[in-house]
């Protein structure tokens, strides 16, 4: 473990401990004004993530923010690193609830914040729970909360986009919400590619593509909606790579 990794972990630990009263307050507020509780929670989480990225030495270049609809939407992105969540929550103006693996549900403090910003926990071995999660995600979209999903289901080890899991975009279809393709590059070099538990500074690029609705697609596109979305992300990743090579 290097110093940056130590300070990031230290910051996370202190944040979770110090914000215990705030989490309790927001839980109570959620009973009467869930939208306001979610708004405040996102502001708190954004601030924490921004500080963590600052400690890690991460610089973010964002493009396509004007493509984000002024309504709840489903963000769909490639997945290279745990840092992806920190970066995207920081740059999305209103924030989003993430679909995460269910093991995070067991971490005290962290899981409370995740619930407050409407994250969902996916059990990959239980089909019934997976279907329930899709329905809940659609309900969140209808209630006004944007969601974020990594359809590959796990982090890519070689930087290439894996196949999207079946049903990963269903919540947007059920809610008739816009789908926004998102391309992320540079995050794996900050943590995953390092030997041992080490965090190193790096530059990250995030691109938001043109949104679309499932209902607006042709029959052929509807059958290939995952492929359609994956291709849009790949095109943006190619542009990001070209930009990096030119620098």
Protein backbone atom coordinates (compact mmCIF):
# COMPACT_ATOMS: atom_id res chain seq x y z
CA UNK A 1 0.00 0.00 0.00
CA UNK A 2 1.35 3.41 -0.93
CA UNK A 3 0.60 6.74 0.74
CA UNK A 4 -2.15 7.76 -1.69
CA UNK A 5 -3.99 4.48 -1.11
CA UNK A 6 -3.60 4.89 2.65
CA UNK A 7 -4.97 8.44 2.63
CA UNK A 8 -7.91 7.44 0.41
CA UNK A 9 -8.82 4.61 2.80
CA UNK A 10 -8.34 6.88 5.80
CA UNK A 11 -10.60 9.52 4.25
CA UNK A 12 -13.34 6.95 3.48
CA UNK A 13 -13.22 5.59 7.03
CA UNK A 14 -13.42 9.05 8.61
CA UNK A 15 -16.22 10.09 6.24
CA UNK A 16 -18.35 7.07 7.12
CA UNK A 17 -17.83 7.56 10.86
CA UNK A 18 -18.30 11.33 10.92
CA UNK A 19 -21.42 11.28 8.74
CA UNK A 20 -23.32 8.73 10.86
CA UNK A 21 -25.65 11.42 12.31
CA UNK A 22 -26.26 12.83 8.82
CA UNK A 23 -27.23 9.42 7.47
CA UNK A 24 -29.73 9.01 10.30
CA UNK A 25 -31.15 12.49 9.62
CA UNK A 26 -31.54 11.76 5.92
CA UNK A 27 -33.22 8.44 6.67
CA UNK A 28 -35.86 10.30 8.67
CA UNK A 29 -36.20 12.97 5.98
CA UNK A 30 -36.64 10.21 3.41
CA UNK A 31 -39.91 9.23 5.09
CA UNK A 32 -41.49 12.62 4.36
CA UNK A 33 -39.48 14.04 1.46
CA UNK A 34 -37.56 11.30 -0.40
CA UNK A 35 -36.58 13.57 -3.30
CA UNK A 36 -34.95 16.11 -0.98
CA UNK A 37 -33.20 13.36 1.00
CA UNK A 38 -31.81 11.95 -2.25
CA UNK A 39 -30.69 15.38 -3.47
CA UNK A 40 -28.79 16.09 -0.24
CA UNK A 41 -27.30 12.60 -0.17
CA UNK A 42 -25.97 13.01 -3.72
CA UNK A 43 -24.36 16.32 -2.78
CA UNK A 44 -22.63 14.67 0.19
CA UNK A 45 -21.47 11.66 -1.84
CA UNK A 46 -20.27 13.87 -4.69
CA UNK A 47 -18.20 15.92 -2.27
CA UNK A 48 -16.67 12.79 -0.75
CA UNK A 49 -15.89 11.26 -4.15
CA UNK A 50 -14.39 14.54 -5.37
CA UNK A 51 -12.09 14.63 -2.35
CA UNK A 52 -11.09 11.00 -2.87
CA UNK A 53 -10.20 11.69 -6.51
CA UNK A 54 -8.23 14.77 -5.46
CA UNK A 55 -6.24 12.70 -2.97
CA UNK A 56 -5.63 10.07 -5.65
CA UNK A 57 -4.40 12.72 -8.09
CA UNK A 58 -7.08 12.05 -10.70
CA UNK A 59 -7.82 14.64 -13.38
CA UNK A 60 -11.05 14.28 -15.38
CA UNK A 61 -11.80 15.42 -18.91
CA UNK A 62 -15.52 15.38 -19.69
CA UNK A 63 -17.33 15.72 -23.01
CA UNK A 64 -20.98 15.49 -24.03
CA UNK A 65 -22.54 16.81 -20.83
CA UNK A 66 -25.10 18.58 -23.02
CA UNK A 67 -26.30 15.12 -24.13
CA UNK A 68 -27.64 14.37 -20.65
CA UNK A 69 -31.45 14.78 -20.80
CA UNK A 70 -33.26 17.07 -18.42
CA UNK A 71 -35.19 14.08 -17.08
CA UNK A 72 -34.41 10.76 -15.35
CA UNK A 73 -32.37 8.46 -17.57
CA UNK A 74 -30.38 5.24 -17.57
CA UNK A 75 -26.64 5.75 -18.00
CA UNK A 76 -24.93 2.75 -19.61
CA UNK A 77 -21.13 2.49 -19.54
CA UNK A 78 -18.13 0.25 -20.02
CA UNK A 79 -16.46 -0.84 -16.79
CA UNK A 80 -12.72 -0.88 -16.12
CA UNK A 81 -12.29 0.07 -12.48
CA UNK A 82 -13.86 0.81 -9.12
CA UNK A 83 -12.82 4.39 -9.91
CA UNK A 84 -15.51 4.48 -12.65
CA UNK A 85 -18.19 5.02 -10.01
CA UNK A 86 -16.30 7.84 -8.28
CA UNK A 87 -15.69 9.64 -11.57
CA UNK A 88 -19.18 9.35 -13.05
CA UNK A 89 -21.04 10.26 -9.86
CA UNK A 90 -18.80 13.32 -9.62
CA UNK A 91 -19.42 14.58 -13.16
CA UNK A 92 -23.14 13.78 -13.61
CA UNK A 93 -24.87 16.99 -12.46
CA UNK A 94 -27.77 15.34 -10.60
CA UNK A 95 -25.94 12.12 -9.76
CA UNK A 96 -27.31 8.61 -10.30
CA UNK A 97 -28.06 5.43 -8.42
CA UNK A 98 -25.68 2.62 -9.39
CA UNK A 99 -26.37 -1.06 -9.93
CA UNK A 100 -23.70 -2.70 -7.77
CA UNK A 101 -22.76 -6.19 -6.65
CA UNK A 102 -24.63 -7.33 -3.55
CA UNK A 103 -21.46 -7.82 -1.47
CA UNK A 104 -21.30 -4.01 -1.00
CA UNK A 105 -24.65 -4.26 0.79
CA UNK A 106 -22.83 -5.80 3.75
CA UNK A 107 -20.46 -2.87 4.37
CA UNK A 108 -21.83 -0.72 7.25
CA UNK A 109 -22.04 2.99 6.51
CA UNK A 110 -21.21 2.62 2.84
CA UNK A 111 -24.39 0.65 2.13
CA UNK A 112 -26.45 3.30 3.95
CA UNK A 113 -25.17 6.03 1.63
CA UNK A 114 -25.80 3.76 -1.36
CA UNK A 115 -29.41 3.23 -0.32
CA UNK A 116 -29.87 6.98 0.12
CA UNK A 117 -28.80 7.69 -3.47
CA UNK A 118 -30.99 4.82 -4.75
CA UNK A 119 -28.31 2.29 -5.61
CA UNK A 120 -29.45 -1.27 -6.35
CA UNK A 121 -27.66 -4.43 -5.27
CA UNK A 122 -27.49 -7.26 -7.80
CA UNK A 123 -27.38 -10.92 -6.83
CA UNK A 124 -25.89 -12.51 -9.94
CA UNK A 125 -26.90 -16.05 -8.96
CA UNK A 126 -30.59 -15.42 -8.27
CA UNK A 127 -32.66 -14.84 -11.41
CA UNK A 128 -35.77 -13.92 -9.43
CA UNK A 129 -33.88 -11.24 -7.49
CA UNK A 130 -32.46 -9.95 -10.76
CA UNK A 131 -35.95 -9.48 -12.19
CA UNK A 132 -37.04 -7.75 -9.00
CA UNK A 133 -34.06 -5.39 -9.29
CA UNK A 134 -35.06 -4.46 -12.87
CA UNK A 135 -38.59 -3.63 -11.69
CA UNK A 136 -37.26 -1.53 -8.79
CA UNK A 137 -34.89 0.29 -11.15
CA UNK A 138 -37.78 1.07 -13.50
CA UNK A 139 -39.79 2.38 -10.54
CA UNK A 140 -36.89 4.64 -9.51
CA UNK A 141 -36.70 6.04 -13.05
CA UNK A 142 -40.44 6.73 -13.02
CA UNK A 143 -40.10 8.44 -9.63
CA UNK A 144 -37.47 10.82 -10.99
CA UNK A 145 -34.14 9.17 -10.09
CA UNK A 146 -31.52 8.50 -12.76
CA UNK A 147 -29.79 5.13 -12.71
CA UNK A 148 -26.36 3.93 -13.85
CA UNK A 149 -25.45 0.42 -14.98
CA UNK A 150 -22.36 -1.40 -16.23
CA UNK A 151 -23.91 -4.08 -18.49
CA UNK A 152 -20.72 -6.15 -18.70
CA UNK A 153 -21.45 -7.22 -15.15
CA UNK A 154 -17.80 -7.04 -14.09
CA UNK A 155 -14.69 -4.98 -14.69
CA UNK A 156 -12.81 -5.53 -17.95
CA UNK A 157 -9.28 -6.84 -17.43
CA UNK A 158 -7.92 -5.86 -20.84
CA UNK A 159 -9.74 -2.58 -21.53
CA UNK A 160 -12.01 -4.08 -24.17
CA UNK A 161 -15.79 -3.98 -23.79
CA UNK A 162 -17.22 -7.38 -22.90
CA UNK A 163 -20.63 -8.67 -23.90
CA UNK A 164 -23.55 -6.95 -22.25
CA UNK A 165 -25.62 -9.11 -19.92
CA UNK A 166 -29.14 -9.91 -21.05
CA UNK A 167 -31.82 -7.68 -19.57
CA UNK A 168 -29.35 -5.00 -18.49
CA UNK A 169 -31.32 -2.25 -20.29
CA UNK A 170 -34.78 -3.56 -19.40
CA UNK A 171 -35.39 -1.01 -16.64
CA UNK A 172 -35.18 1.84 -19.18
CA UNK A 173 -37.52 -0.03 -21.51
CA UNK A 174 -40.08 -0.61 -18.73
CA UNK A 175 -39.93 3.06 -17.66
CA UNK A 176 -39.65 4.43 -21.23
CA UNK A 177 -36.65 6.42 -20.00
CA UNK A 178 -33.81 7.72 -22.19
CA UNK A 179 -30.67 5.58 -22.41
CA UNK A 180 -27.39 7.50 -22.40
CA UNK A 181 -24.25 5.65 -23.59
CA UNK A 182 -21.16 6.55 -21.54
CA UNK A 183 -17.51 5.84 -22.39
CA UNK A 184 -14.86 5.82 -19.66
CA UNK A 185 -11.12 5.42 -20.18
CA UNK A 186 -8.02 5.79 -18.00
CA UNK A 187 -9.50 4.62 -14.69
CA UNK A 188 -7.80 1.20 -14.51
CA UNK A 189 -4.33 2.79 -14.46
CA UNK A 190 -5.22 4.52 -11.19
CA UNK A 191 -5.77 1.34 -9.20
CA UNK A 192 -6.38 -2.01 -10.92
CA UNK A 193 -3.21 -2.09 -13.04
CA UNK A 194 -0.94 -1.34 -10.09
CA UNK A 195 0.86 -4.07 -8.17
CA UNK A 196 -0.32 -4.40 -4.62
CA UNK A 197 -2.80 -2.02 -3.04
CA UNK A 198 -1.51 1.14 -4.71
CA UNK A 199 -3.21 4.26 -6.04
CA UNK A 200 -1.39 6.37 -8.64
CA UNK A 201 -2.31 9.70 -10.29
CA UNK A 202 -3.82 9.61 -13.75
CA UNK A 203 -5.99 11.26 -16.36
CA UNK A 204 -9.52 10.01 -17.00
CA UNK A 205 -11.80 10.72 -19.93
CA UNK A 206 -15.61 10.48 -19.72
CA UNK A 207 -17.86 10.94 -22.76
CA UNK A 208 -21.66 11.07 -22.80
CA UNK A 209 -23.24 9.97 -26.07
CA UNK A 210 -26.52 10.81 -27.78
CA UNK A 211 -29.50 9.56 -25.74
CA UNK A 212 -32.20 7.37 -27.25
CA UNK A 213 -35.40 5.64 -26.12
CA UNK A 214 -36.17 2.00 -26.70
CA UNK A 215 -39.60 2.97 -28.04
CA UNK A 216 -37.97 5.11 -30.76
CA UNK A 217 -35.83 2.29 -32.19
CA UNK A 218 -36.70 0.24 -35.25
CA UNK A 219 -37.71 -3.41 -34.78
CA UNK A 220 -34.23 -4.49 -35.81
CA UNK A 221 -32.57 -2.06 -33.39
CA UNK A 222 -34.85 -3.22 -30.56
CA UNK A 223 -33.68 -6.80 -31.11
CA UNK A 224 -30.07 -5.58 -31.00
CA UNK A 225 -30.42 -2.81 -28.41
CA UNK A 226 -27.48 -4.07 -26.32
CA UNK A 227 -25.29 -4.26 -29.41
CA UNK A 228 -26.52 -0.81 -30.52
CA UNK A 229 -25.55 0.70 -27.15
CA UNK A 230 -22.25 -1.16 -26.98
CA UNK A 231 -21.28 0.10 -30.44
CA UNK A 232 -22.06 3.71 -29.43
CA UNK A 233 -19.75 3.33 -26.42
CA UNK A 234 -17.01 1.74 -28.52
CA UNK A 235 -17.08 4.63 -31.01
CA UNK A 236 -16.58 7.11 -28.16
CA UNK A 237 -13.76 5.01 -26.69
CA UNK A 238 -12.04 5.02 -30.09
CA UNK A 239 -12.29 8.83 -30.19
CA UNK A 240 -10.85 9.02 -26.67
CA UNK A 241 -7.92 6.81 -27.70
CA UNK A 242 -7.25 8.98 -30.75
CA UNK A 243 -7.30 12.06 -28.53
CA UNK A 244 -4.82 10.50 -26.09
CA UNK A 245 -2.47 9.48 -28.90
CA UNK A 246 -2.48 13.02 -30.30
CA UNK A 247 -1.36 14.53 -26.99
